[in-house]
C-alpha atoms as a PDB file:
ATOM      1  CA  MET A   1      -0.301   0.304  -0.077  1.00  0.00           C
ATOM      2  CA  ILE A   2       2.713   2.283   0.612  1.00  0.00           C
ATOM      3  CA  ASN A   3       4.884   1.481  -1.861  1.00  0.00           C
ATOM      4  CA  ASN A   4       1.947   2.868  -4.485  1.00  0.00           C
ATOM      5  CA  LEU A   5       1.772   6.901  -2.655  1.00  0.00           C
ATOM      6  CA  SER A   6       4.276   9.304  -3.769  1.00  0.00           C
ATOM      7  CA  SER A   7       7.667  10.114  -1.876  1.00  0.00           C
ATOM      8  CA  LYS A   8       5.850  13.485  -1.029  1.00  0.00           C
ATOM      9  CA  GLU A   9       3.150  11.197   0.353  1.00  0.00           C
ATOM     10  CA  GLN A  10       5.034   9.143   2.046  1.00  0.00           C
ATOM     11  CA  LYS A  11       7.104  11.993   3.530  1.00  0.00           C
ATOM     12  CA  LEU A  12       3.543  13.426   4.909  1.00  0.00           C
ATOM     13  CA  ALA A  13       1.923  10.034   6.066  1.00  0.00           C
ATOM     14  CA  TYR A  14       5.673   9.806   7.793  1.00  0.00           C
ATOM     15  CA  GLN A  15       5.759  13.057   9.454  1.00  0.00           C
ATOM     16  CA  GLY A  16       1.781  12.567  10.270  1.00  0.00           C
ATOM     17  CA  ALA A  17       2.557   9.163  12.154  1.00  0.00           C
ATOM     18  CA  LYS A  18       6.030  11.359  14.092  1.00  0.00           C
ATOM     19  CA  LEU A  19       3.650  13.920  14.696  1.00  0.00           C
ATOM     20  CA  LEU A  20       0.898  11.563  16.139  1.00  0.00           C
ATOM     21  CA  TRP A  21       3.337   9.215  18.179  1.00  0.00           C
ATOM     22  CA  GLN A  22       4.528  12.449  19.645  1.00  0.00           C
ATOM     23  CA  PHE A  23       1.408  13.564  20.478  1.00  0.00           C
ATOM     24  CA  LEU A  24       0.215  10.258  21.985  1.00  0.00           C
ATOM     25  CA  ASP A  25       3.904  10.003  24.022  1.00  0.00           C
ATOM     26  CA  GLY A  26       2.837  13.735  25.529  1.00  0.00           C
ATOM     27  CA  ILE A  27      -0.740  12.115  26.907  1.00  0.00           C
ATOM     28  CA  ASN A  28       1.074   8.861  28.448  1.00  0.00           C
ATOM     29  CA  ALA A  29       3.620  11.307  30.007  1.00  0.00           C
ATOM     30  CA  THR A  30       0.621  13.881  31.190  1.00  0.00           C
ATOM     31  CA  TYR A  31      -1.346  10.954  32.691  1.00  0.00           C
ATOM     32  CA  PRO A  32       0.808   7.903  33.527  1.00  0.00           C
END
Protein backbone atom coordinates (compact mmCIF):
# COMPACT_ATOMS: atom_id res chain seq x y z
CA MET A 1 0.00 0.00 0.00
CA ILE A 2 2.71 2.51 0.98
CA ASN A 3 4.71 1.54 -2.11
CA ASN A 4 1.91 2.99 -4.26
CA LEU A 5 2.30 6.44 -2.72
CA SER A 6 4.56 9.11 -4.15
CA SER A 7 7.64 10.21 -2.23
CA LYS A 8 5.83 13.41 -1.24
CA GLU A 9 2.88 11.45 0.13
CA GLN A 10 5.26 9.08 1.94
CA LYS A 11 6.97 12.07 3.56
CA LEU A 12 3.63 13.56 4.65
CA ALA A 13 2.47 10.21 6.01
CA TYR A 14 5.73 9.81 7.93
CA GLN A 15 5.50 13.32 9.39
CA GLY A 16 1.87 12.76 10.34
CA ALA A 17 2.69 9.47 12.05
CA LYS A 18 5.58 11.12 13.89
CA LEU A 19 3.34 13.95 15.11
CA LEU A 20 0.69 11.46 16.21
CA TRP A 21 3.30 9.40 18.06
CA GLN A 22 4.63 12.53 19.84
CA PHE A 23 1.05 13.52 20.72
CA LEU A 24 0.26 10.11 22.21
CA ASP A 25 3.62 10.09 24.01
CA GLY A 26 2.74 13.47 25.52
CA ILE A 27 -0.62 12.12 26.76
CA ASN A 28 1.13 9.14 28.33
CA ALA A 29 3.56 11.50 30.08
CA THR A 30 0.75 13.76 31.31
CA TYR A 31 -1.52 10.95 32.50
CA PRO A 32 0.63 8.08 33.76
